[in-house]
Amino acid sequence: MTDKRGMKETQMTRRNRWMQAALGLALALVAVPALAQPAAPAPTVDPASIAALNSMSAYLRTLKTFQVEAVTATDEVLEDGQLVKYSGKTNIVAQFPNKLLADVTSDRNERQYVYDGKTFTLLARRVGYYATVPAPPTVRELADVLLAKYDIEVPLSDLFLWGAPGWNSGAITSAMDMGPGEVLGTTCQHYAFRQEGADWQVWIQKGDFPLPRKLVITTTDDPARPQHTAVYLWNLAPSVNDAAFTFTPPSGARKIVLADVGK
């Protein structure tokens, strides 16, 4: 028979062995890396999606006169990182290569942009100020000059940049066909693209008129990932003449100087 002392020593020996085994397992778990997770699939650029984007872009550049209305929603990141969303409506009449009229109404302001091929005028309706500056000879050049010189973005600027000189799809690092979709009753194909600083999606109308019907842009180099969304309604045969692109100051409006951000 084993005496009490021997039983006690046996129990302590077993306990020590369990503790050593548990400690060894713990050390092994620390020393051995976690099970490898499946690697994220490498971004792929679907050639058919790029072809659809290029086809849409080329078609936009064939439009000589058009009207487009857009309902927009835009996120703004506050200083503390909180996102707030502003809604708006934009109505544009364009006559290529050198005429543009845009009316923009949002929660924050009300603006009119008038370009006649020689001058550009910006009217702030709610405060009653306007400014006029010399302008380059095309809408495409106007978009570049306004952004670089005055930090002003032409409303719905993507519509004027796709397919224009200097634009290409080479910066896209991922392109996917997300399948069919519908925007305001129009049958579309939904595509998702990625490039440095932005993920974006576009719904392109199916058929002979590959118009963009919806655009969603997500800024990816901001931790808050703000989004801009625009839903488009097109009129490809608007009734318009040169008088539509002539600016007449509203009664009581005051002329000011447009600040050159470069200076």
Protein backbone atom coordinates (compact mmCIF):
# COMPACT_ATOMS: atom_id res chain seq x y z
CA MET A 1 0.00 0.00 0.00
CA THR A 2 1.06 3.57 -0.61
CA ASP A 3 1.13 5.72 2.47
CA LYS A 4 -0.41 9.17 2.67
CA ARG A 5 2.92 10.82 2.07
CA GLY A 6 3.50 8.74 -1.04
CA MET A 7 0.01 9.51 -2.34
CA LYS A 8 0.62 13.21 -1.76
CA GLU A 9 3.92 13.09 -3.64
CA THR A 10 2.30 11.20 -6.51
CA GLN A 11 -0.49 13.80 -6.80
CA MET A 12 2.05 16.63 -6.72
CA THR A 13 4.12 14.90 -9.39
CA ARG A 14 1.09 14.52 -11.65
CA ARG A 15 0.09 18.13 -11.03
CA ASN A 16 3.61 19.30 -11.91
CA ARG A 17 3.49 17.26 -15.10
CA TRP A 18 0.11 18.78 -16.07
CA MET A 19 1.43 22.28 -15.35
CA GLN A 20 4.57 21.61 -17.38
CA ALA A 21 2.51 20.25 -20.24
CA ALA A 22 0.14 23.24 -20.13
CA LEU A 23 3.08 25.64 -20.00
CA GLY A 24 4.72 23.90 -22.92
CA LEU A 25 1.52 24.15 -24.96
CA ALA A 26 1.16 27.83 -24.13
CA LEU A 27 4.75 28.51 -25.16
CA ALA A 28 4.21 26.55 -28.33
CA LEU A 29 1.14 28.62 -29.18
CA VAL A 30 3.13 31.80 -28.64
CA ALA A 31 6.09 30.58 -30.63
CA VAL A 32 4.16 29.17 -33.57
CA PRO A 33 2.54 31.76 -35.84
CA ALA A 34 -1.24 31.74 -36.16
CA LEU A 35 -2.64 29.59 -38.88
CA ALA A 36 -2.12 31.37 -42.16
CA GLN A 37 -5.25 33.11 -43.41
CA PRO A 38 -6.19 32.73 -47.04
CA ALA A 39 -4.41 35.44 -49.00
CA ALA A 40 -6.65 38.20 -50.33
CA PRO A 41 -7.11 37.79 -54.04
CA ALA A 42 -4.92 40.09 -56.08
CA PRO A 43 -6.80 42.98 -57.70
CA THR A 44 -7.91 42.08 -61.19
CA VAL A 45 -8.59 44.34 -64.12
CA ASP A 46 -11.39 42.83 -66.17
CA PRO A 47 -10.76 43.78 -69.83
CA ALA A 48 -14.49 43.74 -70.62
CA SER A 49 -15.18 46.23 -67.82
CA ILE A 50 -12.44 48.55 -69.09
CA ALA A 51 -13.84 48.22 -72.60
CA ALA A 52 -17.31 49.19 -71.34
CA LEU A 53 -15.87 52.24 -69.58
CA ASN A 54 -13.96 53.29 -72.68
CA SER A 55 -17.06 52.82 -74.83
CA MET A 56 -19.11 55.01 -72.48
CA SER A 57 -16.35 57.66 -72.46
CA ALA A 58 -16.07 57.69 -76.25
CA TYR A 59 -19.84 58.00 -76.59
CA LEU A 60 -19.96 60.99 -74.25
CA ARG A 61 -17.47 62.80 -76.46
CA THR A 62 -19.78 62.38 -79.46
CA LEU A 63 -22.50 64.42 -77.75
CA LYS A 64 -22.50 67.97 -79.09
CA THR A 65 -25.46 69.34 -77.15
CA PHE A 66 -27.11 67.79 -74.12
CA GLN A 67 -28.92 68.51 -70.88
CA VAL A 68 -28.38 66.47 -67.75
CA GLU A 69 -30.03 66.74 -64.35
CA ALA A 70 -28.41 65.11 -61.35
CA VAL A 71 -29.52 64.45 -57.81
CA THR A 72 -26.42 64.38 -55.63
CA ALA A 73 -25.41 63.43 -52.10
CA THR A 74 -21.97 64.42 -50.82
CA ASP A 75 -20.24 63.60 -47.53
CA GLU A 76 -18.14 66.15 -45.70
CA VAL A 77 -15.70 65.20 -42.97
CA LEU A 78 -15.80 67.52 -39.95
CA GLU A 79 -12.69 68.36 -37.94
CA ASP A 80 -13.53 65.69 -35.37
CA GLY A 81 -13.89 63.04 -38.08
CA GLN A 82 -17.68 62.92 -38.11
CA LEU A 83 -19.37 62.55 -41.50
CA VAL A 84 -22.23 64.82 -42.53
CA LYS A 85 -24.13 64.48 -45.79
CA TYR A 86 -25.36 67.29 -48.04
CA SER A 87 -27.98 66.82 -50.73
CA GLY A 88 -28.18 68.78 -53.94
CA LYS A 89 -29.50 69.11 -57.48
CA THR A 90 -27.56 70.09 -60.58
CA ASN A 91 -28.92 71.04 -63.98
CA ILE A 92 -26.44 71.39 -66.84
CA VAL A 93 -26.84 72.42 -70.46
CA ALA A 94 -23.69 71.96 -72.52
CA GLN A 95 -22.84 72.72 -76.12
CA PHE A 96 -19.47 71.42 -77.18
CA PRO A 97 -16.80 72.45 -77.40
CA ASN A 98 -17.23 75.83 -75.76
CA LYS A 99 -20.51 76.51 -73.97
CA LEU A 100 -21.78 75.56 -70.55
CA LEU A 101 -24.60 76.58 -68.22
CA ALA A 102 -24.92 74.93 -64.83
CA ASP A 103 -27.31 75.63 -61.97
CA VAL A 104 -26.46 73.99 -58.66
CA THR A 105 -28.67 74.02 -55.58
CA SER A 106 -27.64 72.27 -52.38
CA ASP A 107 -28.18 72.38 -48.63
CA ARG A 108 -25.20 74.72 -48.38
CA ASN A 109 -25.38 77.12 -51.32
CA GLU A 110 -26.87 78.06 -54.67
CA ARG A 111 -24.55 78.65 -57.60
CA GLN A 112 -24.76 79.37 -61.32
CA TYR A 113 -21.86 78.69 -63.72
CA VAL A 114 -21.94 80.38 -67.13
CA TYR A 115 -19.34 79.86 -69.86
CA ASP A 116 -19.63 81.32 -73.36
CA GLY A 117 -16.30 80.23 -74.83
CA LYS A 118 -14.51 83.44 -73.86
CA THR A 119 -15.48 84.25 -70.29
CA PHE A 120 -16.57 82.32 -67.23
CA THR A 121 -18.94 83.73 -64.63
CA LEU A 122 -19.76 82.34 -61.21
CA LEU A 123 -22.89 83.66 -59.48
CA ALA A 124 -23.60 83.05 -55.79
CA ARG A 125 -27.36 83.57 -55.77
CA ARG A 126 -28.04 83.55 -52.04
CA VAL A 127 -25.46 86.19 -51.20
CA GLY A 128 -25.85 88.19 -54.44
CA TYR A 129 -22.23 88.17 -55.64
CA TYR A 130 -20.77 87.28 -59.01
CA ALA A 131 -17.33 87.21 -60.62
CA THR A 132 -16.26 87.05 -64.27
CA VAL A 133 -12.85 85.96 -65.55
CA PRO A 134 -11.32 85.26 -68.99
CA ALA A 135 -11.67 81.62 -70.01
CA PRO A 136 -9.94 79.16 -72.35
CA PRO A 137 -11.63 78.08 -75.61
CA THR A 138 -13.02 74.67 -74.57
CA VAL A 139 -15.02 73.17 -71.71
CA ARG A 140 -12.27 70.63 -71.11
CA GLU A 141 -9.62 73.33 -70.69
CA LEU A 142 -12.02 75.35 -68.56
CA ALA A 143 -12.29 72.48 -66.07
CA ASP A 144 -8.51 72.38 -65.70
CA VAL A 145 -8.05 76.15 -65.37
CA LEU A 146 -10.83 76.62 -62.82
CA LEU A 147 -9.48 73.85 -60.60
CA ALA A 148 -5.82 74.86 -60.82
CA LYS A 149 -6.23 78.64 -60.65
CA TYR A 150 -9.37 79.20 -58.58
CA ASP A 151 -9.92 75.87 -56.80
CA ILE A 152 -13.36 75.64 -58.43
CA GLU A 153 -14.65 72.34 -59.77
CA VAL A 154 -16.97 72.30 -62.75
CA PRO A 155 -20.23 70.63 -61.63
CA LEU A 156 -20.44 66.96 -62.64
CA SER A 157 -16.89 67.32 -63.93
CA ASP A 158 -16.47 63.59 -64.62
CA LEU A 159 -18.90 63.90 -67.52
CA PHE A 160 -16.47 66.28 -69.22
CA LEU A 161 -13.28 64.41 -68.37
CA TRP A 162 -14.13 60.85 -69.43
CA GLY A 163 -12.76 60.28 -72.91
CA ALA A 164 -11.34 63.80 -73.21
CA PRO A 165 -7.72 64.44 -74.27
CA GLY A 166 -5.39 63.39 -71.49
CA TRP A 167 -7.84 60.94 -69.95
CA ASN A 168 -7.10 57.23 -69.94
CA SER A 169 -7.99 54.18 -67.90
CA GLY A 170 -4.37 53.29 -67.16
CA ALA A 171 -4.61 54.45 -63.54
CA ILE A 172 -7.28 51.84 -62.78
CA THR A 173 -5.91 49.00 -60.65
CA SER A 174 -9.11 46.97 -60.33
CA ALA A 175 -12.13 46.68 -62.61
CA MET A 176 -15.11 44.39 -62.09
CA ASP A 177 -18.48 43.76 -63.71
CA MET A 178 -20.97 43.66 -60.84
CA GLY A 179 -23.87 42.53 -63.00
CA PRO A 180 -27.11 44.13 -64.20
CA GLY A 181 -28.83 46.97 -62.37
CA GLU A 182 -31.58 49.53 -62.78
CA VAL A 183 -31.47 53.29 -62.25
CA LEU A 184 -34.71 55.29 -62.43
CA GLY A 185 -36.29 52.56 -64.55
CA THR A 186 -33.36 52.37 -66.99
CA THR A 187 -31.62 49.01 -67.43
CA CYS A 188 -27.90 49.32 -66.76
CA GLN A 189 -24.74 47.33 -66.20
CA HIS A 190 -23.02 47.99 -62.88
CA TYR A 191 -19.21 48.28 -62.81
CA ALA A 192 -16.77 48.81 -59.92
CA PHE A 193 -13.32 50.35 -60.33
CA ARG A 194 -10.41 51.14 -58.06
CA GLN A 195 -7.49 53.52 -58.40
CA GLU A 196 -5.16 55.31 -56.04
CA GLY A 197 -7.19 57.24 -53.48
CA ALA A 198 -10.64 56.23 -54.72
CA ASP A 199 -13.03 53.36 -55.23
CA TRP A 200 -15.80 54.20 -57.65
CA GLN A 201 -18.81 52.62 -59.28
CA VAL A 202 -20.72 53.52 -62.41
CA TRP A 203 -24.01 52.24 -63.79
CA ILE A 204 -23.91 52.37 -67.61
CA GLN A 205 -27.09 52.30 -69.67
CA LYS A 206 -27.41 49.22 -71.86
CA GLY A 207 -28.04 49.44 -75.59
CA ASP A 208 -27.04 51.98 -78.23
CA PHE A 209 -26.74 54.90 -75.79
CA PRO A 210 -24.13 53.90 -73.16
CA LEU A 211 -24.74 56.83 -70.85
CA PRO A 212 -23.63 56.89 -67.22
CA ARG A 213 -26.77 56.78 -65.10
CA LYS A 214 -25.28 56.70 -61.62
CA LEU A 215 -21.88 57.36 -60.11
CA VAL A 216 -20.62 56.59 -56.59
CA ILE A 217 -17.13 57.71 -55.53
CA THR A 218 -15.57 56.67 -52.22
CA THR A 219 -12.43 58.47 -51.08
CA THR A 220 -10.14 55.76 -49.72
CA ASP A 221 -7.17 57.83 -48.53
CA ASP A 222 -9.33 59.43 -45.83
CA PRO A 223 -10.08 57.20 -42.79
CA ALA A 224 -13.68 58.45 -42.80
CA ARG A 225 -14.14 57.20 -46.41
CA PRO A 226 -16.52 59.99 -47.53
CA GLN A 227 -18.73 59.33 -50.55
CA HIS A 228 -20.20 61.32 -53.40
CA THR A 229 -23.22 59.99 -55.28
CA ALA A 230 -24.88 61.35 -58.43
CA VAL A 231 -27.91 59.97 -60.26
CA TYR A 232 -28.29 61.34 -63.81
CA LEU A 233 -31.33 62.07 -65.97
CA TRP A 234 -30.41 62.81 -69.60
CA ASN A 235 -31.93 64.86 -72.43
CA LEU A 236 -29.93 64.48 -75.65
CA ALA A 237 -31.98 66.94 -77.71
CA PRO A 238 -32.54 70.08 -75.60
CA SER A 239 -33.90 73.25 -77.14
CA VAL A 240 -31.14 75.80 -76.57
CA ASN A 241 -29.51 78.80 -78.29
CA ASP A 242 -26.50 81.02 -77.65
CA ALA A 243 -28.54 83.36 -75.45
CA ALA A 244 -28.71 80.61 -72.82
CA PHE A 245 -24.96 80.97 -72.29
CA THR A 246 -24.98 84.76 -71.93
CA PHE A 247 -24.75 85.99 -68.35
CA THR A 248 -26.99 88.83 -67.23
CA PRO A 249 -26.45 89.93 -63.61
CA PRO A 250 -29.59 89.72 -61.47
CA SER A 251 -30.92 92.98 -60.10
CA GLY A 252 -28.90 94.03 -57.07
CA ALA A 253 -26.07 91.55 -57.63
CA ARG A 254 -22.61 92.90 -56.90
CA LYS A 255 -19.48 92.11 -58.89
CA ILE A 256 -16.41 90.90 -57.01
CA VAL A 257 -12.94 89.62 -57.91
CA LEU A 258 -12.42 85.88 -58.09
CA ALA A 259 -9.43 84.99 -55.91
CA ASP A 260 -6.49 83.32 -57.62
CA VAL A 261 -5.40 80.58 -55.20
CA GLY A 262 -1.95 80.54 -56.81
CA LYS A 263 -1.35 84.06 -55.62
